[in-house]
PDB file of all heavy atoms in Angstrom:
ATOM      1  N   MET A   1     -59.240 -69.962  41.901  1.00  0.00           N
ATOM      2  CA  MET A   1     -60.258 -70.943  42.252  1.00  0.00           C
ATOM      3  C   MET A   1     -60.731 -70.711  43.685  1.00  0.00           C
ATOM      4  O   MET A   1     -59.947 -70.319  44.553  1.00  0.00           O
ATOM      5  CB  MET A   1     -59.700 -72.359  42.134  1.00  0.00           C
ATOM      6  CG  MET A   1     -59.165 -72.714  40.757  1.00  0.00           C
ATOM      7  SD  MET A   1     -60.430 -72.653  39.469  1.00  0.00           S
ATOM      8  CE  MET A   1     -61.565 -73.914  40.030  1.00  0.00           C
ATOM      9  N   ALA A   2     -62.002 -70.974  43.915  1.00  0.00           N
ATOM     10  CA  ALA A   2     -62.550 -70.751  45.243  1.00  0.00           C
ATOM     11  C   ALA A   2     -63.627 -71.787  45.550  1.00  0.00           C
ATOM     12  O   ALA A   2     -64.148 -72.446  44.653  1.00  0.00           O
ATOM     13  CB  ALA A   2     -63.139 -69.345  45.345  1.00  0.00           C
ATOM     14  N   TRP A   3     -63.904 -71.901  46.832  1.00  0.00           N
ATOM     15  CA  TRP A   3     -65.044 -72.685  47.309  1.00  0.00           C
ATOM     16  C   TRP A   3     -66.003 -71.761  48.031  1.00  0.00           C
ATOM     17  O   TRP A   3     -65.574 -70.887  48.821  1.00  0.00           O
ATOM     18  CB  TRP A   3     -64.585 -73.792  48.265  1.00  0.00           C
ATOM     19  CG  TRP A   3     -63.874 -74.922  47.595  1.00  0.00           C
ATOM     20  CD1 TRP A   3     -62.531 -75.078  47.436  1.00  0.00           C
ATOM     21  CD2 TRP A   3     -64.479 -76.073  47.001  1.00  0.00           C
ATOM     22  NE1 TRP A   3     -62.264 -76.247  46.776  1.00  0.00           N
ATOM     23  CE2 TRP A   3     -63.441 -76.888  46.501  1.00  0.00           C
ATOM     24  CE3 TRP A   3     -65.800 -76.511  46.849  1.00  0.00           C
ATOM     25  CZ2 TRP A   3     -63.674 -78.105  45.846  1.00  0.00           C
ATOM     26  CZ3 TRP A   3     -66.028 -77.725  46.213  1.00  0.00           C
ATOM     27  CH2 TRP A   3     -64.982 -78.501  45.723  1.00  0.00           C
ATOM     28  N   TYR A   4     -67.269 -71.953  47.757  1.00  0.00           N
ATOM     29  CA  TYR A   4     -68.355 -71.276  48.458  1.00  0.00           C
ATOM     30  C   TYR A   4     -69.267 -72.347  49.034  1.00  0.00           C
ATOM     31  O   TYR A   4     -69.195 -73.518  48.641  1.00  0.00           O
ATOM     32  CB  TYR A   4     -69.161 -70.394  47.495  1.00  0.00           C
ATOM     33  CG  TYR A   4     -68.509 -69.078  47.148  1.00  0.00           C
ATOM     34  CD1 TYR A   4     -67.416 -69.030  46.288  1.00  0.00           C
ATOM     35  CD2 TYR A   4     -68.999 -67.874  47.655  1.00  0.00           C
ATOM     36  CE1 TYR A   4     -66.825 -67.819  45.957  1.00  0.00           C
ATOM     37  CE2 TYR A   4     -68.419 -66.661  47.326  1.00  0.00           C
ATOM     38  CZ  TYR A   4     -67.334 -66.647  46.481  1.00  0.00           C
ATOM     39  OH  TYR A   4     -66.748 -65.447  46.162  1.00  0.00           O
ATOM     40  N   ARG A   5     -70.131 -71.949  49.936  1.00  0.00           N
ATOM     41  CA  ARG A   5     -71.120 -72.881  50.462  1.00  0.00           C
ATOM     42  C   ARG A   5     -72.430 -72.159  50.738  1.00  0.00           C
ATOM     43  O   ARG A   5     -72.455 -70.953  50.965  1.00  0.00           O
ATOM     44  CB  ARG A   5     -70.611 -73.568  51.732  1.00  0.00           C
ATOM     45  CG  ARG A   5     -70.424 -72.645  52.931  1.00  0.00           C
ATOM     46  CD  ARG A   5     -69.787 -73.419  54.089  1.00  0.00           C
ATOM     47  NE  ARG A   5     -69.611 -72.583  55.279  1.00  0.00           N
ATOM     48  CZ  ARG A   5     -68.991 -72.983  56.378  1.00  0.00           C
ATOM     49  NH1 ARG A   5     -68.452 -74.198  56.443  1.00  0.00           N
ATOM     50  NH2 ARG A   5     -68.880 -72.160  57.412  1.00  0.00           N
ATOM     51  N   GLN A   6     -73.484 -72.936  50.722  1.00  0.00           N
ATOM     52  CA  GLN A   6     -74.808 -72.384  50.999  1.00  0.00           C
ATOM     53  C   GLN A   6     -75.590 -73.343  51.874  1.00  0.00           C
ATOM     54  O   GLN A   6     -75.835 -74.496  51.476  1.00  0.00           O
ATOM     55  CB  GLN A   6     -75.570 -72.109  49.705  1.00  0.00           C
ATOM     56  CG  GLN A   6     -76.871 -71.359  49.915  1.00  0.00           C
ATOM     57  CD  GLN A   6     -77.442 -70.813  48.621  1.00  0.00           C
ATOM     58  OE1 GLN A   6     -77.087 -71.260  47.535  1.00  0.00           O
ATOM     59  NE2 GLN A   6     -78.321 -69.831  48.740  1.00  0.00           N
ATOM     60  N   SER A   7     -75.953 -72.861  53.039  1.00  0.00           N
ATOM     61  CA  SER A   7     -76.771 -73.643  53.963  1.00  0.00           C
ATOM     62  C   SER A   7     -78.239 -73.328  53.723  1.00  0.00           C
ATOM     63  O   SER A   7     -78.577 -72.290  53.154  1.00  0.00           O
ATOM     64  CB  SER A   7     -76.401 -73.311  55.415  1.00  0.00           C
ATOM     65  OG  SER A   7     -75.028 -73.510  55.641  1.00  0.00           O
ATOM     66  N   ALA A   8     -79.080 -74.212  54.183  1.00  0.00           N
ATOM     67  CA  ALA A   8     -80.515 -74.035  53.995  1.00  0.00           C
ATOM     68  C   ALA A   8     -80.978 -72.709  54.593  1.00  0.00           C
ATOM     69  O   ALA A   8     -80.687 -72.404  55.751  1.00  0.00           O
ATOM     70  CB  ALA A   8     -81.267 -75.192  54.646  1.00  0.00           C
ATOM     71  N   GLY A   9     -81.667 -71.917  53.804  1.00  0.00           N
ATOM     72  CA  GLY A   9     -82.214 -70.660  54.282  1.00  0.00           C
ATOM     73  C   GLY A   9     -81.220 -69.520  54.389  1.00  0.00           C
ATOM     74  O   GLY A   9     -81.566 -68.434  54.867  1.00  0.00           O
ATOM     75  N   LYS A  10     -79.986 -69.756  53.952  1.00  0.00           N
ATOM     76  CA  LYS A  10     -78.964 -68.718  54.041  1.00  0.00           C
ATOM     77  C   LYS A  10     -78.411 -68.387  52.662  1.00  0.00           C
ATOM     78  O   LYS A  10     -78.555 -69.164  51.721  1.00  0.00           O
ATOM     79  CB  LYS A  10     -77.826 -69.162  54.965  1.00  0.00           C
ATOM     80  CG  LYS A  10     -78.247 -69.373  56.411  1.00  0.00           C
ATOM     81  CD  LYS A  10     -77.048 -69.731  57.267  1.00  0.00           C
ATOM     82  CE  LYS A  10     -77.440 -69.911  58.736  1.00  0.00           C
ATOM     83  NZ  LYS A  10     -76.261 -70.248  59.584  1.00  0.00           N
ATOM     84  N   GLU A  11     -77.761 -67.242  52.569  1.00  0.00           N
ATOM     85  CA  GLU A  11     -77.128 -66.857  51.322  1.00  0.00           C
ATOM     86  C   GLU A  11     -75.816 -67.619  51.141  1.00  0.00           C
ATOM     87  O   GLU A  11     -75.206 -68.081  52.111  1.00  0.00           O
ATOM     88  CB  GLU A  11     -76.862 -65.353  51.314  1.00  0.00           C
ATOM     89  CG  GLU A  11     -78.128 -64.509  51.295  1.00  0.00           C
ATOM     90  CD  GLU A  11     -77.843 -63.055  51.033  1.00  0.00           C
ATOM     91  OE1 GLU A  11     -76.664 -62.681  50.959  1.00  0.00           O
ATOM     92  OE2 GLU A  11     -78.814 -62.276  50.919  1.00  0.00           O
ATOM     93  N   ARG A  12     -75.411 -67.732  49.891  1.00  0.00           N
ATOM     94  CA  ARG A  12     -74.142 -68.382  49.593  1.00  0.00           C
ATOM     95  C   ARG A  12     -73.010 -67.568  50.217  1.00  0.00           C
ATOM     96  O   ARG A  12     -72.991 -66.339  50.111  1.00  0.00           O
ATOM     97  CB  ARG A  12     -73.965 -68.506  48.089  1.00  0.00           C
ATOM     98  CG  ARG A  12     -72.835 -69.397  47.650  1.00  0.00           C
ATOM     99  CD  ARG A  12     -72.848 -69.617  46.149  1.00  0.00           C
ATOM    100  NE  ARG A  12     -74.067 -70.316  45.715  1.00  0.00           N
ATOM    101  CZ  ARG A  12     -74.254 -70.770  44.491  1.00  0.00           C
ATOM    102  NH1 ARG A  12     -73.312 -70.603  43.568  1.00  0.00           N
ATOM    103  NH2 ARG A  12     -75.374 -71.371  44.164  1.00  0.00           N
ATOM    104  N   GLU A  13     -72.055 -68.256  50.850  1.00  0.00           N
ATOM    105  CA  GLU A  13     -70.954 -67.561  51.494  1.00  0.00           C
ATOM    106  C   GLU A  13     -69.613 -68.112  51.014  1.00  0.00           C
ATOM    107  O   GLU A  13     -69.475 -69.302  50.718  1.00  0.00           O
ATOM    108  CB  GLU A  13     -71.042 -67.681  53.024  1.00  0.00           C
ATOM    109  CG  GLU A  13     -70.883 -69.081  53.564  1.00  0.00           C
ATOM    110  CD  GLU A  13     -70.810 -69.118  55.091  1.00  0.00           C
ATOM    111  OE1 GLU A  13     -70.773 -68.053  55.720  1.00  0.00           O
ATOM    112  OE2 GLU A  13     -70.765 -70.241  55.630  1.00  0.00           O
ATOM    113  N   TRP A  14     -68.634 -67.238  50.976  1.00  0.00           N
ATOM    114  CA  TRP A  14     -67.300 -67.601  50.560  1.00  0.00           C
ATOM    115  C   TRP A  14     -66.617 -68.426  51.641  1.00  0.00           C
ATOM    116  O   TRP A  14     -66.762 -68.138  52.839  1.00  0.00           O
ATOM    117  CB  TRP A  14     -66.504 -66.324  50.271  1.00  0.00           C
ATOM    118  CG  TRP A  14     -65.042 -66.534  50.096  1.00  0.00           C
ATOM    119  CD1 TRP A  14     -64.406 -67.136  49.045  1.00  0.00           C
ATOM    120  CD2 TRP A  14     -64.016 -66.146  51.001  1.00  0.00           C
ATOM    121  NE1 TRP A  14     -63.049 -67.121  49.246  1.00  0.00           N
ATOM    122  CE2 TRP A  14     -62.779 -66.520  50.428  1.00  0.00           C
ATOM    123  CE3 TRP A  14     -64.005 -65.500  52.234  1.00  0.00           C
ATOM    124  CZ2 TRP A  14     -61.561 -66.286  51.054  1.00  0.00           C
ATOM    125  CZ3 TRP A  14     -62.801 -65.253  52.859  1.00  0.00           C
ATOM    126  CH2 TRP A  14     -61.589 -65.649  52.272  1.00  0.00           C
ATOM    127  N   VAL A  15     -65.858 -69.446  51.231  1.00  0.00           N
ATOM    128  CA  VAL A  15     -65.154 -70.312  52.165  1.00  0.00           C
ATOM    129  C   VAL A  15     -63.641 -70.136  52.053  1.00  0.00           C
ATOM    130  O   VAL A  15     -62.963 -69.910  53.054  1.00  0.00           O
ATOM    131  CB  VAL A  15     -65.519 -71.795  51.912  1.00  0.00           C
ATOM    132  CG1 VAL A  15     -64.691 -72.716  52.803  1.00  0.00           C
ATOM    133  CG2 VAL A  15     -67.005 -72.020  52.140  1.00  0.00           C
ATOM    134  N   ALA A  16     -63.119 -70.261  50.836  1.00  0.00           N
ATOM    135  CA  ALA A  16     -61.671 -70.198  50.662  1.00  0.00           C
ATOM    136  C   ALA A  16     -61.348 -69.919  49.198  1.00  0.00           C
ATOM    137  O   ALA A  16     -62.145 -70.226  48.309  1.00  0.00           O
ATOM    138  CB  ALA A  16     -61.014 -71.502  51.100  1.00  0.00           C
ATOM    139  N   THR A  17     -60.187 -69.334  48.982  1.00  0.00           N
ATOM    140  CA  THR A  17     -59.688 -69.038  47.637  1.00  0.00           C
ATOM    141  C   THR A  17     -58.236 -69.458  47.524  1.00  0.00           C
ATOM    142  O   THR A  17     -57.470 -69.335  48.486  1.00  0.00           O
ATOM    143  CB  THR A  17     -59.793 -67.525  47.334  1.00  0.00           C
ATOM    144  OG1 THR A  17     -61.155 -67.130  47.381  1.00  0.00           O
ATOM    145  CG2 THR A  17     -59.223 -67.198  45.960  1.00  0.00           C
ATOM    146  N   ILE A  18     -57.878 -69.960  46.349  1.00  0.00           N
ATOM    147  CA  ILE A  18     -56.473 -70.176  46.010  1.00  0.00           C
ATOM    148  C   ILE A  18     -56.247 -69.510  44.662  1.00  0.00           C
ATOM    149  O   ILE A  18     -56.936 -69.813  43.684  1.00  0.00           O
ATOM    150  CB  ILE A  18     -56.083 -71.670  46.024  1.00  0.00           C
ATOM    151  CG1 ILE A  18     -54.583 -71.826  45.765  1.00  0.00           C
ATOM    152  CG2 ILE A  18     -56.913 -72.493  45.050  1.00  0.00           C
ATOM    153  CD1 ILE A  18     -54.052 -73.205  46.114  1.00  0.00           C
ATOM    154  N   SER A  19     -55.279 -68.606  44.617  1.00  0.00           N
ATOM    155  CA  SER A  19     -55.047 -67.854  43.392  1.00  0.00           C
ATOM    156  C   SER A  19     -54.236 -68.674  42.397  1.00  0.00           C
ATOM    157  O   SER A  19     -53.774 -69.785  42.703  1.00  0.00           O
ATOM    158  CB  SER A  19     -54.310 -66.552  43.712  1.00  0.00           C
ATOM    159  OG  SER A  19     -52.953 -66.830  44.032  1.00  0.00           O
ATOM    160  N   SER A  20     -54.048 -68.083  41.219  1.00  0.00           N
ATOM    161  CA  SER A  20     -53.268 -68.771  40.185  1.00  0.00           C
ATOM    162  C   SER A  20     -51.815 -68.943  40.604  1.00  0.00           C
ATOM    163  O   SER A  20     -51.113 -69.800  40.059  1.00  0.00           O
ATOM    164  CB  SER A  20     -53.346 -67.979  38.878  1.00  0.00           C
ATOM    165  OG  SER A  20     -52.827 -66.674  39.056  1.00  0.00           O
ATOM    166  N   VAL A  21     -51.368 -68.141  41.583  1.00  0.00           N
ATOM    167  CA  VAL A  21     -49.989 -68.276  42.081  1.00  0.00           C
ATOM    168  C   VAL A  21     -49.982 -68.946  43.460  1.00  0.00           C
ATOM    169  O   VAL A  21     -49.034 -68.810  44.221  1.00  0.00           O
ATOM    170  CB  VAL A  21     -49.269 -66.911  42.131  1.00  0.00           C
ATOM    171  CG1 VAL A  21     -49.076 -66.377  40.724  1.00  0.00           C
ATOM    172  CG2 VAL A  21     -50.024 -65.908  43.000  1.00  0.00           C
ATOM    173  N   HIS A  22     -51.056 -69.654  43.759  1.00  0.00           N
ATOM    174  CA  HIS A  22     -51.158 -70.496  44.958  1.00  0.00           C
ATOM    175  C   HIS A  22     -51.278 -69.732  46.272  1.00  0.00           C
ATOM    176  O   HIS A  22     -51.050 -70.313  47.337  1.00  0.00           O
ATOM    177  CB  HIS A  22     -50.013 -71.505  45.040  1.00  0.00           C
ATOM    178  CG  HIS A  22     -50.016 -72.527  43.934  1.00  0.00           C
ATOM    179  ND1 HIS A  22     -50.239 -73.871  44.154  1.00  0.00           N
ATOM    180  CD2 HIS A  22     -49.846 -72.396  42.617  1.00  0.00           C
ATOM    181  CE1 HIS A  22     -50.199 -74.517  42.997  1.00  0.00           C
ATOM    182  NE2 HIS A  22     -49.954 -73.638  42.045  1.00  0.00           N
ATOM    183  N   LYS A  23     -51.648 -68.458  46.212  1.00  0.00           N
ATOM    184  CA  LYS A  23     -51.920 -67.722  47.437  1.00  0.00           C
ATOM    185  C   LYS A  23     -53.291 -68.135  47.953  1.00  0.00           C
ATOM    186  O   LYS A  23     -54.252 -68.184  47.204  1.00  0.00           O
ATOM    187  CB  LYS A  23     -51.889 -66.220  47.186  1.00  0.00           C
ATOM    188  CG  LYS A  23     -52.146 -65.382  48.437  1.00  0.00           C
ATOM    189  CD  LYS A  23     -52.139 -63.905  48.104  1.00  0.00           C
ATOM    190  CE  LYS A  23     -52.309 -63.035  49.346  1.00  0.00           C
ATOM    191  NZ  LYS A  23     -53.580 -63.317  50.046  1.00  0.00           N
ATOM    192  N   THR A  24     -53.371 -68.422  49.243  1.00  0.00           N
ATOM    193  CA  THR A  24     -54.626 -68.909  49.831  1.00  0.00           C
ATOM    194  C   THR A  24     -55.202 -67.904  50.829  1.00  0.00           C
ATOM    195  O   THR A  24     -54.475 -67.179  51.507  1.00  0.00           O
ATOM    196  CB  THR A  24     -54.419 -70.251  50.537  1.00  0.00           C
ATOM    197  OG1 THR A  24     -53.426 -70.100  51.561  1.00  0.00           O
ATOM    198  CG2 THR A  24     -53.973 -71.327  49.559  1.00  0.00           C
ATOM    199  N   ASP A  25     -56.521 -67.893  50.902  1.00  0.00           N
ATOM    200  CA  ASP A  25     -57.256 -67.091  51.878  1.00  0.00           C
ATOM    201  C   ASP A  25     -58.438 -67.912  52.364  1.00  0.00           C
ATOM    202  O   ASP A  25     -59.013 -68.691  51.599  1.00  0.00           O
ATOM    203  CB  ASP A  25     -57.760 -65.781  51.261  1.00  0.00           C
ATOM    204  CG  ASP A  25     -56.645 -64.790  51.031  1.00  0.00           C
ATOM    205  OD1 ASP A  25     -56.052 -64.341  52.025  1.00  0.00           O
ATOM    206  OD2 ASP A  25     -56.365 -64.485  49.860  1.00  0.00           O
ATOM    207  N   TYR A  26     -58.817 -67.689  53.633  1.00  0.00           N
ATOM    208  CA  TYR A  26     -59.888 -68.462  54.232  1.00  0.00           C
ATOM    209  C   TYR A  26     -60.846 -67.551  54.987  1.00  0.00           C
ATOM    210  O   TYR A  26     -60.445 -66.541  55.578  1.00  0.00           O
ATOM    211  CB  TYR A  26     -59.317 -69.482  55.217  1.00  0.00           C
ATOM    212  CG  TYR A  26     -58.418 -70.511  54.588  1.00  0.00           C
ATOM    213  CD1 TYR A  26     -57.042 -70.314  54.514  1.00  0.00           C
ATOM    214  CD2 TYR A  26     -58.954 -71.694  54.056  1.00  0.00           C
ATOM    215  CE1 TYR A  26     -56.206 -71.254  53.926  1.00  0.00           C
ATOM    216  CE2 TYR A  26     -58.124 -72.641  53.478  1.00  0.00           C
ATOM    217  CZ  TYR A  26     -56.763 -72.420  53.414  1.00  0.00           C
ATOM    218  OH  TYR A  26     -55.953 -73.363  52.824  1.00  0.00           O
TER     219      TYR A  26
END
């Protein structure tokens, strides 16, 4: 699972991920 975000006038960007085994990246 992950979160992305998109600001006005910008491309969608990755924010954070949590894997199926709970490993996180930011």
